[in-house]
Amino acid sequence: MAHYYDAELQRPNSFNFATDVVDYWAQSNEAKWAMHWISGDLKQERQLTFQHFSRQSHRLAVLLRQHFGLEAGVKLLIIIPRVPVWWEIATACLRCGIVVCPATTLLVDKDIEYRAKRSGATAFVGDESSVQKLLKVKKNCPKIARVVQIGDAPVPDGVDSLERLLKTIPEDAKYHGPRPDVKDTSMIYFTSGTTGNPKMVCHNHISYPLAHTITGKYFHRLKPGHLNWVLTEQGWAKAAWAFFGTWNCGAGLFIHDDRGAFNGKRTLDILHRYPITTFCAPPTAYRQLVLDEMRQHLKQNRPRSLIHCAGAGEPLNPEVRPSIRPARREVIRLWKEAAGMDICDGFGQTETILVCGNFEGSPIRPGSMGKHSPGVPLHVIDDDGAETSQDVEGDIALKVDLTETSNFFGVFDGYIGEDDKLDRRLRSDGKGGSWYLTGDRAMRDKDGYFWFVGRLDDVINSSGYRIGPFEVESTLKQHPGVVESAVVSSPDQSRGEVVKAFVVLTPDAARRDGGQLMKELQDFCKENAAPYKYPRKIQFVEQSFLPKTISGKIQRKQLKAMEWSGPARTTAKL
C-alpha cells in the first residue's frame, strides 16, 4: 500500500500521525534514523530510530491517559528545550488525542501564566527552569492539576518526575484506546497579533500533522534517509513544520540542543562534522554565515553531506525596504559562491503549512517568494475578494472550502476566542466560497512568482520572531518612568527589522541620563516579558509627537512609515 509520502495528498477520513507515520516508518526498512541529536557543547550524541519514538510514545500515551487520567481533548502545555523527550511526548499526545500546546523556553513566569490560563491546560510538562517559573504563578492557574518535570534535577513538592513515572510503564506497553478524529484539535500555538495578548492558533489532526508532507517533500526536498536541520526552538510553529514535514517523508531530524545565541562558526562546524543533507535557517542566520571570516571558514570546512538549503521565517522582499533588498540578494550570491548551493526561500505562517516557495524545476528569482506550493490554492486578491491582475499589489489569500471536499487542508481551524469559538478570519469571494487572509501583502508576476510587499498589520517580524507591539507597550507601561509608548518595526541590516519604542517619560524620568535609562528600560522588558521582545531601539519623545486618532488611539502606521523612510533616529546601544 502506498504511503502518504508517495502519493498526492487527499483529504482522508481517518489519519493519525503516530500510527500512520511514526509506526509506519518503525516497521519499514526504508527509513534509517528518526533523529540525530547532539548536545549544545557537542559532547553528547544520540541516534534514535522510528522504533524508539513508536515505543516511547505508546508508553507515554498509556501514562498520560491511564495513569494520569487525562481525557482526550484536554490541553497539555509543554515547555522544554530541544531534547528527544519533547518529540516523544508530542507523538504520544497525537496518538491518544491530548492537545499539545508548545511554548518557548524564553517565556517568563507571567507569560506562562497567561498561556496556562488562556488555554485551560490541565497538565504542564517542563524542564527544571520552566517548572520553577510555573510554580511562581501556579496559584493563579487552578486548572493545572498535574505538573511533570523532565531531567535529573531535584523535583519540587507537588511535581512528578517523568523519568520516575515512566519506569512504572512496561517497555512493551501499547496504547489501545480510541484514535482521535481528524477534525479534533491536535495542537495549539500562540502567535502575536497587533492588539491584545497572543492569539491561540488551533490545528486539527490533518491541517499540520499530514498537510506538512507538502513542506517536507517539496520545500525541504526530503526522502527516506535524509537528515534535516531546521534552526528553530520548540516553542515556535516552525519546529512543527520540521517535525511533521520530516517524519512524513521518512527522513530524520537533526537536533542541536543549543540554548545560547546563534554562533556562525559552530553552525558551519556542525555542517562539516555531521551527515546533514538539508539545512533551513532564517535570513538572519545566513547573513552571519556569509561574513568574510565565515565564508573563509566554510571554504576550509566544507559541509559533509549538504545537498539543499532553504530559508524561511522572515519577510523576503518588502517594497518598503529598498535598502534591505540588495543586501538580501547579496546574501544569496555570497552563499552560493561559498557553499555551492542556492538558498530556496519559502513562505507560510503559524496558521498554515508552507504555501509558497522556490521548488525544484523553477528557476530562482532573487527576492521572490517563489511559486505556490503544489496543491495549495494561493492567490493575491483585492478588497472585493477578486483576484488581482499581474504585478498589482493585494492581499495574500488562500481559498478555503468549508464543505471539506477540497484536497487542500493545510490551514488552521481558526483562532480560539474567549468564548472558545473559532474565528477563521474569512472573507467571501462573492461566489459562495471563502478566502483566508494571511494578513500579508504581495504581487504576482506573469510567470506565477509571488513578491512580498509587507504586513497588513503592525506585527513585527525580527529574526523570525513574531512580536506584537501591544505586548511590548504593555510591558513598558509597567515601568514607573513611562507615561506612554508606541512600538513599531525599524529597519536593521542584520535582522531585517527590530522593535523600536517611542517612549513618553514622566517629568522625573526625563531628567535622568538618557543612555542609562534606555538600558534600564531594555533590561526591564527582558525581565518582565520574553527577552526576544525587548526594544532594541528607543526614542524618547514628547506626548504631542505621537500621532493619534480623534478617539486617542495611537496611529502606529504613521510612525512606521516615518521610521522606514526617514533618517536614523536616536537608538539604544544593542
Protein backbone atom coordinates (compact mmCIF):
# COMPACT_ATOMS: atom_id res chain seq x y z
CA MET A 1 0.00 0.00 0.00
CA ALA A 2 1.33 3.44 -0.94
CA HIS A 3 2.33 5.70 1.92
CA TYR A 4 1.20 9.33 2.15
CA TYR A 5 4.70 10.42 1.15
CA ASP A 6 4.47 8.53 -2.15
CA ALA A 7 1.06 9.83 -3.26
CA GLU A 8 -0.64 13.13 -3.93
CA LEU A 9 -2.31 14.35 -0.76
CA GLN A 10 -6.01 13.72 -0.48
CA ARG A 11 -8.27 14.60 2.42
CA PRO A 12 -8.55 11.37 4.46
CA ASN A 13 -11.46 10.20 6.57
CA SER A 14 -9.00 8.74 9.07
CA PHE A 15 -5.43 9.71 9.91
CA ASN A 16 -3.22 9.64 12.98
CA PHE A 17 0.36 10.87 12.82
CA ALA A 18 1.60 8.45 15.48
CA THR A 19 0.11 5.31 13.95
CA ASP A 20 0.12 6.18 10.25
CA VAL A 21 3.55 7.86 10.14
CA VAL A 22 5.73 7.02 13.15
CA ASP A 23 4.56 3.40 13.48
CA TYR A 24 4.64 3.02 9.70
CA TRP A 25 8.30 4.01 9.39
CA ALA A 26 9.13 1.97 12.50
CA GLN A 27 8.03 -1.11 10.57
CA SER A 28 9.71 -0.09 7.32
CA ASN A 29 13.20 -0.99 6.18
CA GLU A 30 13.35 2.19 4.08
CA ALA A 31 13.76 4.77 6.85
CA LYS A 32 17.00 4.91 8.83
CA TRP A 33 17.20 7.37 11.72
CA ALA A 34 14.29 9.42 13.05
CA MET A 35 16.62 11.75 14.94
CA HIS A 36 20.29 12.57 15.26
CA TRP A 37 20.61 14.57 18.46
CA ILE A 38 23.69 16.37 19.81
CA SER A 39 24.10 18.41 22.98
CA GLY A 40 24.83 22.10 22.96
CA ASP A 41 28.55 21.55 23.66
CA LEU A 42 28.72 18.76 21.03
CA LYS A 43 29.99 16.29 23.63
CA GLN A 44 26.89 14.09 23.75
CA GLU A 45 25.24 12.39 20.82
CA ARG A 46 22.24 10.11 20.28
CA GLN A 47 20.88 8.46 17.15
CA LEU A 48 17.27 7.41 17.60
CA THR A 49 15.11 5.25 15.34
CA PHE A 50 11.43 5.45 14.50
CA GLN A 51 11.09 2.28 16.58
CA HIS A 52 12.29 4.28 19.59
CA PHE A 53 9.68 7.02 19.13
CA SER A 54 6.95 4.49 18.41
CA ARG A 55 7.73 2.59 21.62
CA GLN A 56 8.17 5.65 23.83
CA SER A 57 5.04 7.37 22.54
CA HIS A 58 2.99 4.24 23.25
CA ARG A 59 4.34 4.14 26.81
CA LEU A 60 3.75 7.86 27.36
CA ALA A 61 0.23 7.64 25.95
CA VAL A 62 -0.52 4.90 28.48
CA LEU A 63 0.97 7.05 31.24
CA LEU A 64 -0.95 10.17 30.28
CA ARG A 65 -4.32 8.56 29.63
CA GLN A 66 -4.47 5.64 32.06
CA HIS A 67 -2.20 6.64 34.95
CA PHE A 68 -2.75 10.42 34.89
CA GLY A 69 -6.37 10.07 33.83
CA LEU A 70 -6.11 12.77 31.16
CA GLU A 71 -9.05 12.63 28.76
CA ALA A 72 -8.96 13.15 25.03
CA GLY A 73 -9.23 16.83 24.20
CA VAL A 74 -7.57 18.17 27.35
CA LYS A 75 -4.67 20.59 26.89
CA LEU A 76 -1.06 19.84 27.80
CA LEU A 77 1.28 22.84 27.96
CA ILE A 78 4.86 21.79 27.21
CA ILE A 79 7.94 23.99 27.70
CA ILE A 80 11.17 22.07 27.40
CA PRO A 81 14.36 22.60 25.36
CA ARG A 82 15.45 20.62 22.31
CA VAL A 83 15.74 17.18 23.88
CA PRO A 84 14.27 13.95 22.40
CA VAL A 85 11.58 13.65 25.06
CA TRP A 86 9.77 16.64 23.50
CA TRP A 87 9.07 14.61 20.36
CA GLU A 88 8.22 11.52 22.43
CA ILE A 89 5.59 13.45 24.40
CA ALA A 90 4.19 15.25 21.35
CA THR A 91 3.83 11.95 19.46
CA ALA A 92 2.15 10.36 22.49
CA CYS A 93 -0.38 13.20 22.70
CA LEU A 94 -1.15 12.93 18.99
CA ARG A 95 -1.58 9.19 19.42
CA CYS A 96 -4.17 9.42 22.17
CA GLY A 97 -5.95 12.71 21.49
CA ILE A 98 -4.41 15.03 24.10
CA VAL A 99 -3.93 18.56 22.69
CA VAL A 100 -0.29 19.71 22.59
CA CYS A 101 0.33 23.38 23.47
CA PRO A 102 4.04 24.13 22.86
CA ALA A 103 5.67 27.28 24.17
CA THR A 104 9.18 28.69 24.04
CA THR A 105 11.66 28.32 26.89
CA LEU A 106 12.27 32.08 26.62
CA LEU A 107 9.00 32.87 28.38
CA VAL A 108 8.97 34.41 31.84
CA ASP A 109 6.54 33.36 34.57
CA LYS A 110 3.84 35.90 33.62
CA ASP A 111 3.93 34.70 30.00
CA ILE A 112 3.47 31.12 31.18
CA GLU A 113 0.60 32.13 33.45
CA TYR A 114 -1.22 33.76 30.54
CA ARG A 115 -0.80 30.70 28.31
CA ALA A 116 -1.83 28.28 31.04
CA LYS A 117 -4.97 30.23 31.91
CA ARG A 118 -5.89 31.11 28.35
CA SER A 119 -5.52 27.55 27.05
CA GLY A 120 -7.19 25.96 30.06
CA ALA A 121 -4.33 23.46 30.22
CA THR A 122 -4.83 20.56 32.62
CA ALA A 123 -1.22 19.36 32.59
CA PHE A 124 2.18 21.01 32.36
CA VAL A 125 5.44 19.36 31.30
CA GLY A 126 8.69 21.26 31.63
CA ASP A 127 12.35 21.13 32.50
CA GLU A 128 13.67 22.39 35.83
CA SER A 129 13.74 26.02 34.69
CA SER A 130 10.22 26.21 33.23
CA VAL A 131 8.73 24.26 36.16
CA GLN A 132 10.24 26.80 38.57
CA LYS A 133 8.66 29.62 36.54
CA LEU A 134 5.29 27.89 36.58
CA LEU A 135 5.37 27.28 40.33
CA LYS A 136 5.69 31.04 40.91
CA VAL A 137 2.27 31.57 39.32
CA LYS A 138 0.59 28.18 39.74
CA LYS A 139 -1.82 29.53 42.36
CA ASN A 140 -3.27 31.64 39.54
CA CYS A 141 -3.67 28.61 37.23
CA PRO A 142 -6.25 26.44 39.03
CA LYS A 143 -6.92 24.17 36.05
CA ILE A 144 -3.39 22.75 36.00
CA ALA A 145 -3.78 19.57 38.03
CA ARG A 146 -0.56 17.81 37.05
CA VAL A 147 2.95 19.25 36.80
CA VAL A 148 5.66 16.98 35.41
CA GLN A 149 9.38 17.68 35.27
CA ILE A 150 11.89 16.06 32.94
CA GLY A 151 15.59 15.52 33.65
CA ASP A 152 17.69 14.56 36.64
CA ALA A 153 17.34 17.74 38.71
CA PRO A 154 15.63 17.54 42.13
CA VAL A 155 11.84 17.61 41.79
CA PRO A 156 9.90 20.10 43.97
CA ASP A 157 6.97 19.04 46.14
CA GLY A 158 3.79 18.62 44.19
CA VAL A 159 5.68 17.91 40.96
CA ASP A 160 6.08 14.49 39.31
CA SER A 161 9.30 13.17 37.79
CA LEU A 162 8.65 11.92 34.26
CA GLU A 163 11.59 9.54 34.35
CA ARG A 164 10.46 8.03 37.64
CA LEU A 165 6.87 7.59 36.49
CA LEU A 166 7.88 6.13 33.14
CA LYS A 167 9.75 3.34 34.91
CA THR A 168 6.37 2.04 36.05
CA ILE A 169 5.24 1.57 32.43
CA PRO A 170 6.43 -1.66 30.74
CA GLU A 171 8.81 -1.28 27.79
CA ASP A 172 6.35 -3.09 25.53
CA ALA A 173 3.23 -1.24 26.71
CA LYS A 174 0.75 -0.38 23.98
CA TYR A 175 -1.93 2.27 23.89
CA HIS A 176 -5.14 0.63 22.69
CA GLY A 177 -7.54 3.48 23.30
CA PRO A 178 -9.60 5.23 20.63
CA ARG A 179 -7.90 7.25 17.89
CA PRO A 180 -8.81 10.93 17.71
CA ASP A 181 -10.92 12.06 14.78
CA VAL A 182 -9.18 14.03 12.01
CA LYS A 183 -11.37 17.04 12.91
CA ASP A 184 -10.30 17.02 16.55
CA THR A 185 -7.81 19.61 17.78
CA SER A 186 -4.23 18.32 17.75
CA MET A 187 -2.07 21.37 18.54
CA ILE A 188 -2.46 24.94 19.72
CA TYR A 189 0.25 27.53 19.10
CA PHE A 190 0.28 31.07 20.44
CA THR A 191 1.05 33.78 17.90
CA SER A 192 1.39 37.52 18.36
CA GLY A 193 -1.15 39.96 16.98
CA THR A 194 -1.44 43.71 16.62
CA THR A 195 -3.73 44.22 19.59
CA GLY A 196 -4.13 42.25 22.77
CA ASN A 197 -2.19 39.26 24.00
CA PRO A 198 -1.04 36.38 21.75
CA LYS A 199 -3.80 34.52 19.93
CA MET A 200 -4.39 30.76 20.10
CA VAL A 201 -3.98 29.09 16.70
CA CYS A 202 -5.93 25.84 16.52
CA HIS A 203 -4.88 22.96 14.24
CA ASN A 204 -6.64 19.65 13.73
CA HIS A 205 -5.10 16.22 13.08
CA ILE A 206 -4.50 16.76 9.37
CA SER A 207 -4.02 20.55 8.92
CA TYR A 208 -0.50 20.31 10.37
CA PRO A 209 0.37 16.63 11.02
CA LEU A 210 -0.49 15.45 7.49
CA ALA A 211 -0.50 18.58 5.31
CA HIS A 212 3.13 19.35 6.20
CA THR A 213 4.03 16.44 3.94
CA ILE A 214 3.99 19.17 1.27
CA THR A 215 6.51 21.21 3.29
CA GLY A 216 8.85 18.26 3.75
CA LYS A 217 8.55 16.75 0.30
CA TYR A 218 8.70 19.86 -1.87
CA PHE A 219 10.32 22.61 0.20
CA HIS A 220 12.90 20.61 2.15
CA ARG A 221 13.04 18.04 -0.69
CA LEU A 222 13.31 15.15 1.76
CA LYS A 223 13.43 11.41 1.17
CA PRO A 224 13.92 8.43 3.49
CA GLY A 225 17.48 8.50 4.80
CA HIS A 226 17.90 12.28 4.57
CA LEU A 227 18.80 14.32 7.66
CA ASN A 228 17.07 17.69 8.06
CA TRP A 229 18.41 20.51 10.27
CA VAL A 230 15.99 23.38 10.84
CA LEU A 231 17.20 26.19 13.07
CA THR A 232 14.31 26.79 15.44
CA GLU A 233 13.27 26.26 19.03
CA GLN A 234 10.43 24.00 20.09
CA GLY A 235 8.04 26.76 21.10
CA TRP A 236 7.71 28.02 17.54
CA ALA A 237 5.48 26.63 14.81
CA LYS A 238 8.49 26.24 12.52
CA ALA A 239 9.55 23.34 14.76
CA ALA A 240 6.26 21.62 13.94
CA TRP A 241 6.89 22.26 10.24
CA ALA A 242 10.15 20.35 10.61
CA PHE A 243 8.67 17.66 12.87
CA PHE A 244 5.75 16.71 10.63
CA GLY A 245 7.34 17.50 7.28
CA THR A 246 10.48 15.48 8.01
CA TRP A 247 8.92 12.38 9.54
CA ASN A 248 6.13 12.21 6.97
CA CYS A 249 8.91 11.77 4.41
CA GLY A 250 10.72 9.09 6.40
CA ALA A 251 13.68 11.42 6.90
CA GLY A 252 15.49 12.19 10.15
CA LEU A 253 15.57 15.34 12.26
CA PHE A 254 18.97 16.74 13.16
CA ILE A 255 18.68 18.45 16.54
CA HIS A 256 21.34 20.60 18.17
CA ASP A 257 20.29 21.36 21.73
CA ASP A 258 21.77 24.84 21.63
CA ARG A 259 20.39 27.13 24.33
CA GLY A 260 22.53 30.17 23.60
CA ALA A 261 22.85 32.79 20.91
CA PHE A 262 23.41 31.81 17.30
CA ASN A 263 27.05 31.04 16.56
CA GLY A 264 28.00 31.09 12.89
CA LYS A 265 31.32 29.26 13.18
CA ARG A 266 29.81 26.49 15.28
CA THR A 267 26.97 26.13 12.76
CA LEU A 268 29.46 25.66 9.91
CA ASP A 269 31.47 23.22 12.00
CA ILE A 270 28.32 21.14 12.62
CA LEU A 271 27.51 21.08 8.89
CA HIS A 272 31.09 19.92 8.30
CA ARG A 273 31.07 17.25 11.00
CA TYR A 274 27.63 15.61 10.70
CA PRO A 275 25.79 13.98 7.73
CA ILE A 276 23.19 16.74 7.39
CA THR A 277 21.59 16.73 3.93
CA THR A 278 19.13 19.63 4.26
CA PHE A 279 19.61 22.90 6.12
CA CYS A 280 16.91 25.51 6.80
CA ALA A 281 17.64 28.79 8.57
CA PRO A 282 16.20 32.30 8.77
CA PRO A 283 17.82 35.02 6.64
CA THR A 284 19.31 36.44 9.86
CA ALA A 285 21.49 33.34 10.21
CA TYR A 286 22.55 33.32 6.57
CA ARG A 287 23.60 36.97 6.85
CA GLN A 288 26.08 35.96 9.53
CA LEU A 289 27.22 32.90 7.62
CA VAL A 290 28.31 34.97 4.59
CA LEU A 291 30.51 37.39 6.52
CA ASP A 292 34.09 37.37 5.22
CA GLU A 293 35.53 35.30 8.05
CA MET A 294 32.65 32.82 7.89
CA ARG A 295 32.98 32.29 4.14
CA GLN A 296 36.69 31.66 4.57
CA HIS A 297 35.96 29.14 7.31
CA LEU A 298 33.33 27.49 5.09
CA LYS A 299 35.79 27.09 2.23
CA GLN A 300 38.21 25.32 4.55
CA ASN A 301 35.50 23.20 6.23
CA ARG A 302 33.07 22.11 3.54
CA PRO A 303 29.69 20.68 4.58
CA ARG A 304 29.94 16.92 4.80
CA SER A 305 26.69 15.86 3.12
CA LEU A 306 24.69 19.02 2.40
CA ILE A 307 22.61 18.95 -0.81
CA HIS A 308 19.85 21.52 -0.23
CA CYS A 309 19.46 24.85 1.61
CA ALA A 310 16.23 26.63 2.46
CA GLY A 311 15.30 29.88 4.15
CA ALA A 312 12.12 30.82 5.99
CA GLY A 313 10.89 32.76 8.99
CA GLU A 314 11.19 36.37 7.79
CA PRO A 315 9.61 38.57 5.11
CA LEU A 316 11.60 38.32 1.92
CA ASN A 317 11.29 41.32 -0.36
CA PRO A 318 9.20 44.10 1.16
CA GLU A 319 8.84 47.05 -1.19
CA VAL A 320 9.10 49.40 1.80
CA ARG A 321 12.66 48.26 2.36
CA PRO A 322 14.73 49.21 -0.66
CA SER A 323 17.89 49.39 1.46
CA ILE A 324 17.46 45.82 2.64
CA ARG A 325 16.57 44.21 -0.69
CA PRO A 326 20.03 44.40 -2.32
CA ALA A 327 21.60 43.01 0.86
CA ARG A 328 19.24 40.04 0.68
CA ARG A 329 20.31 39.33 -2.90
CA GLU A 330 23.93 39.69 -1.88
CA VAL A 331 23.46 37.00 0.78
CA ILE A 332 22.06 34.60 -1.81
CA ARG A 333 25.00 35.23 -4.15
CA LEU A 334 27.69 35.00 -1.49
CA TRP A 335 26.24 31.81 -0.01
CA LYS A 336 26.12 30.16 -3.41
CA GLU A 337 29.70 31.16 -4.13
CA ALA A 338 30.88 29.76 -0.79
CA ALA A 339 28.63 26.71 -0.37
CA GLY A 340 27.77 25.94 -3.98
CA MET A 341 24.02 25.95 -3.32
CA ASP A 342 21.11 28.33 -3.67
CA ILE A 343 19.02 29.42 -0.70
CA CYS A 344 15.46 28.44 -1.59
CA ASP A 345 13.08 30.79 0.19
CA GLY A 346 9.62 29.84 1.37
CA PHE A 347 6.60 31.49 2.94
CA GLY A 348 3.99 30.28 5.39
CA GLN A 349 2.54 31.04 8.80
CA THR A 350 1.74 29.52 12.16
CA GLU A 351 -1.77 29.30 10.71
CA THR A 352 -0.69 27.40 7.57
CA ILE A 353 1.77 25.00 6.06
CA LEU A 354 4.41 26.17 3.56
CA VAL A 355 2.17 27.84 0.98
CA CYS A 356 4.77 29.36 -1.34
CA GLY A 357 8.39 28.61 -2.11
CA ASN A 358 11.22 28.05 -4.56
CA PHE A 359 10.79 24.48 -5.71
CA GLU A 360 12.81 22.11 -7.83
CA GLY A 361 12.37 22.79 -11.54
CA SER A 362 11.58 26.51 -11.23
CA PRO A 363 14.49 28.96 -11.56
CA ILE A 364 15.04 31.14 -8.50
CA ARG A 365 14.30 34.81 -8.90
CA PRO A 366 16.22 36.53 -6.08
CA GLY A 367 13.85 38.42 -3.81
CA SER A 368 10.78 36.43 -4.85
CA MET A 369 8.94 34.06 -2.51
CA GLY A 370 8.68 31.66 -5.45
CA LYS A 371 5.52 29.95 -6.62
CA HIS A 372 2.56 28.43 -4.80
CA SER A 373 3.19 25.06 -3.14
CA PRO A 374 1.83 22.03 -5.02
CA GLY A 375 -1.88 21.72 -4.42
CA VAL A 376 -2.11 24.97 -2.45
CA PRO A 377 -4.76 27.48 -3.70
CA LEU A 378 -2.69 30.63 -3.12
CA HIS A 379 -3.86 33.92 -4.62
CA VAL A 380 -3.49 37.69 -4.44
CA ILE A 381 -6.86 39.41 -4.10
CA ASP A 382 -8.29 42.94 -3.89
CA ASP A 383 -10.65 44.45 -1.32
CA ASP A 384 -13.65 42.96 -3.10
CA GLY A 385 -12.28 39.42 -2.98
CA ALA A 386 -11.44 39.33 -6.69
CA GLU A 387 -8.06 38.12 -7.90
CA THR A 388 -5.72 40.97 -8.84
CA SER A 389 -4.05 41.36 -12.20
CA GLN A 390 -0.35 40.59 -12.56
CA ASP A 391 2.04 42.96 -10.79
CA VAL A 392 -0.83 44.54 -8.84
CA GLU A 393 -0.50 44.58 -5.06
CA GLY A 394 -3.14 42.82 -2.98
CA ASP A 395 -3.80 40.55 0.00
CA ILE A 396 -2.21 37.11 0.10
CA ALA A 397 -5.14 34.72 0.48
CA LEU A 398 -5.94 31.01 0.46
CA LYS A 399 -9.16 29.60 -0.95
CA VAL A 400 -10.91 27.73 1.87
CA ASP A 401 -13.52 25.08 1.18
CA LEU A 402 -15.88 24.97 4.16
CA THR A 403 -17.65 21.91 2.74
CA GLU A 404 -14.45 19.94 3.40
CA THR A 405 -14.42 18.39 -0.05
CA SER A 406 -11.20 20.07 -1.19
CA ASN A 407 -7.90 18.21 -1.04
CA PHE A 408 -6.25 21.32 0.36
CA PHE A 409 -6.47 21.22 4.15
CA GLY A 410 -3.22 22.88 5.22
CA VAL A 411 -4.82 25.81 7.04
CA PHE A 412 -5.82 26.17 10.67
CA ASP A 413 -9.32 25.75 12.10
CA GLY A 414 -9.27 29.30 13.48
CA TYR A 415 -8.26 31.44 16.43
CA ILE A 416 -9.83 30.28 19.67
CA GLY A 417 -11.82 33.14 21.14
CA GLU A 418 -12.59 33.90 24.76
CA ASP A 419 -15.87 32.03 24.33
CA ASP A 420 -13.96 29.00 22.92
CA LYS A 421 -15.49 29.58 19.49
CA LEU A 422 -13.29 29.51 16.40
CA ASP A 423 -12.70 32.56 14.23
CA ARG A 424 -11.14 31.71 10.86
CA ARG A 425 -10.98 35.35 9.73
CA LEU A 426 -12.59 34.57 6.37
CA ARG A 427 -13.73 36.88 3.58
CA SER A 428 -16.33 35.97 0.98
CA ASP A 429 -15.14 35.53 -2.58
CA GLY A 430 -18.52 36.70 -3.85
CA LYS A 431 -19.19 33.31 -5.44
CA GLY A 432 -20.25 31.29 -2.43
CA GLY A 433 -16.67 30.47 -1.38
CA SER A 434 -14.31 31.92 1.21
CA TRP A 435 -10.81 33.35 1.45
CA TYR A 436 -8.46 33.02 4.42
CA LEU A 437 -6.48 36.25 4.58
CA THR A 438 -2.89 35.83 5.76
CA GLY A 439 -2.53 39.49 6.77
CA ASP A 440 0.34 39.90 4.29
CA ARG A 441 0.50 41.80 1.01
CA ALA A 442 2.16 40.70 -2.23
CA MET A 443 2.19 40.93 -6.01
CA ARG A 444 2.17 38.07 -8.52
CA ASP A 445 4.04 38.38 -11.80
CA LYS A 446 3.08 36.94 -15.21
CA ASP A 447 5.02 33.73 -14.55
CA GLY A 448 3.30 32.98 -11.23
CA TYR A 449 6.09 34.19 -8.91
CA PHE A 450 4.97 35.92 -5.71
CA TRP A 451 6.72 39.06 -4.44
CA PHE A 452 6.27 40.01 -0.79
CA VAL A 453 5.26 43.62 -0.08
CA GLY A 454 4.70 43.73 3.69
CA ARG A 455 2.43 43.06 6.64
CA LEU A 456 -1.07 44.49 6.59
CA ASP A 457 -0.95 44.94 10.37
CA ASP A 458 1.75 46.14 12.76
CA VAL A 459 3.17 42.78 13.84
CA ILE A 460 6.98 42.91 13.88
CA ASN A 461 8.98 40.02 12.45
CA SER A 462 12.52 40.23 13.80
CA SER A 463 14.92 37.34 13.14
CA GLY A 464 11.90 35.08 12.66
CA TYR A 465 10.21 36.08 15.93
CA ARG A 466 6.68 37.48 15.60
CA ILE A 467 6.32 40.30 18.12
CA GLY A 468 3.07 42.12 18.78
CA PRO A 469 3.54 45.84 19.56
CA PHE A 470 0.81 45.66 22.21
CA GLU A 471 2.87 43.15 24.23
CA VAL A 472 5.91 45.44 24.33
CA GLU A 473 3.83 48.54 25.05
CA SER A 474 2.07 46.74 27.90
CA THR A 475 5.40 45.80 29.45
CA LEU A 476 6.83 49.30 29.15
CA LYS A 477 3.70 50.71 30.76
CA GLN A 478 4.57 48.85 33.95
CA HIS A 479 7.78 50.86 34.37
CA PRO A 480 7.27 53.83 36.75
CA GLY A 481 9.13 56.20 34.44
CA VAL A 482 6.96 55.57 31.40
CA VAL A 483 3.80 57.57 30.71
CA GLU A 484 3.04 56.14 27.28
CA SER A 485 4.75 54.31 24.43
CA ALA A 486 4.24 53.31 20.83
CA VAL A 487 6.07 50.34 19.34
CA VAL A 488 6.78 49.77 15.64
CA SER A 489 9.29 47.98 13.45
CA SER A 490 12.53 49.69 12.48
CA PRO A 491 14.94 48.72 9.67
CA ASP A 492 18.00 46.70 10.61
CA GLN A 493 20.64 45.43 8.21
CA SER A 494 21.23 42.17 10.13
CA ARG A 495 17.77 41.28 11.44
CA GLY A 496 15.65 42.81 8.70
CA GLU A 497 13.64 44.71 11.28
CA VAL A 498 13.78 45.21 15.02
CA VAL A 499 11.49 46.51 17.74
CA LYS A 500 11.59 50.25 18.28
CA ALA A 501 9.76 52.05 21.09
CA PHE A 502 8.80 55.71 21.09
CA VAL A 503 8.57 56.47 24.81
CA VAL A 504 6.98 59.37 26.68
CA LEU A 505 8.61 59.79 30.12
CA THR A 506 7.41 61.17 33.43
CA PRO A 507 8.99 64.52 34.38
CA ASP A 508 11.29 62.83 36.92
CA ALA A 509 12.44 60.17 34.44
CA ALA A 510 13.01 62.80 31.73
CA ARG A 511 15.66 64.45 33.94
CA ARG A 512 17.72 61.24 34.13
CA ASP A 513 20.64 60.27 31.90
CA GLY A 514 19.15 59.08 28.61
CA GLY A 515 21.63 56.29 27.91
CA GLN A 516 21.29 54.82 31.38
CA LEU A 517 17.50 54.98 31.22
CA MET A 518 17.45 53.26 27.82
CA LYS A 519 19.39 50.30 29.19
CA GLU A 520 17.16 50.21 32.26
CA LEU A 521 14.03 50.03 30.11
CA GLN A 522 15.54 47.30 27.93
CA ASP A 523 16.51 45.26 30.99
CA PHE A 524 13.06 45.83 32.46
CA CYS A 525 11.44 44.43 29.32
CA LYS A 526 13.74 41.40 29.35
CA GLU A 527 12.81 40.66 32.95
CA ASN A 528 9.06 41.15 32.57
CA ALA A 529 8.48 39.55 29.17
CA ALA A 530 10.22 37.06 26.91
CA PRO A 531 13.67 38.57 26.15
CA TYR A 532 13.28 38.46 22.36
CA LYS A 533 10.54 41.11 22.64
CA TYR A 534 12.64 43.88 24.14
CA PRO A 535 13.03 47.13 22.13
CA ARG A 536 16.48 47.25 20.57
CA LYS A 537 15.86 50.88 19.69
CA ILE A 538 14.29 53.51 21.95
CA GLN A 539 13.48 57.13 21.17
CA PHE A 540 12.27 59.47 23.92
CA VAL A 541 9.58 61.84 22.64
CA GLU A 542 7.06 64.39 23.83
CA GLN A 543 3.45 63.21 24.07
CA SER A 544 2.48 65.53 21.21
CA PHE A 545 4.91 63.65 18.95
CA LEU A 546 2.71 60.53 18.89
CA PRO A 547 0.11 60.68 16.08
CA LYS A 548 -3.36 59.75 17.32
CA THR A 549 -6.89 59.36 16.04
CA ILE A 550 -9.75 61.55 17.30
CA SER A 551 -10.55 58.82 19.83
CA GLY A 552 -6.98 58.88 21.13
CA LYS A 553 -5.68 55.67 19.53
CA ILE A 554 -2.01 55.79 18.50
CA GLN A 555 -1.54 55.54 14.74
CA ARG A 556 1.38 53.15 14.55
CA LYS A 557 1.32 53.09 10.76
CA GLN A 558 2.34 56.75 10.61
CA LEU A 559 5.25 56.13 12.96
CA LYS A 560 6.28 53.04 10.99
CA ALA A 561 6.18 54.91 7.69
CA MET A 562 8.31 57.67 9.16
CA GLU A 563 10.75 55.14 10.59
CA TRP A 564 11.28 53.32 7.32
CA SER A 565 11.53 56.40 5.13
CA GLY A 566 13.22 58.92 7.39
CA PRO A 567 16.79 59.31 8.72
CA ALA A 568 18.13 57.17 11.54
CA ARG A 569 16.96 58.32 14.95
CA THR A 570 18.22 58.09 18.50
CA THR A 571 18.63 54.45 19.48
CA ALA A 572 19.79 52.49 22.44
CA LYS A 573 23.01 50.55 22.25
CA LEU A 574 22.29 46.98 21.10
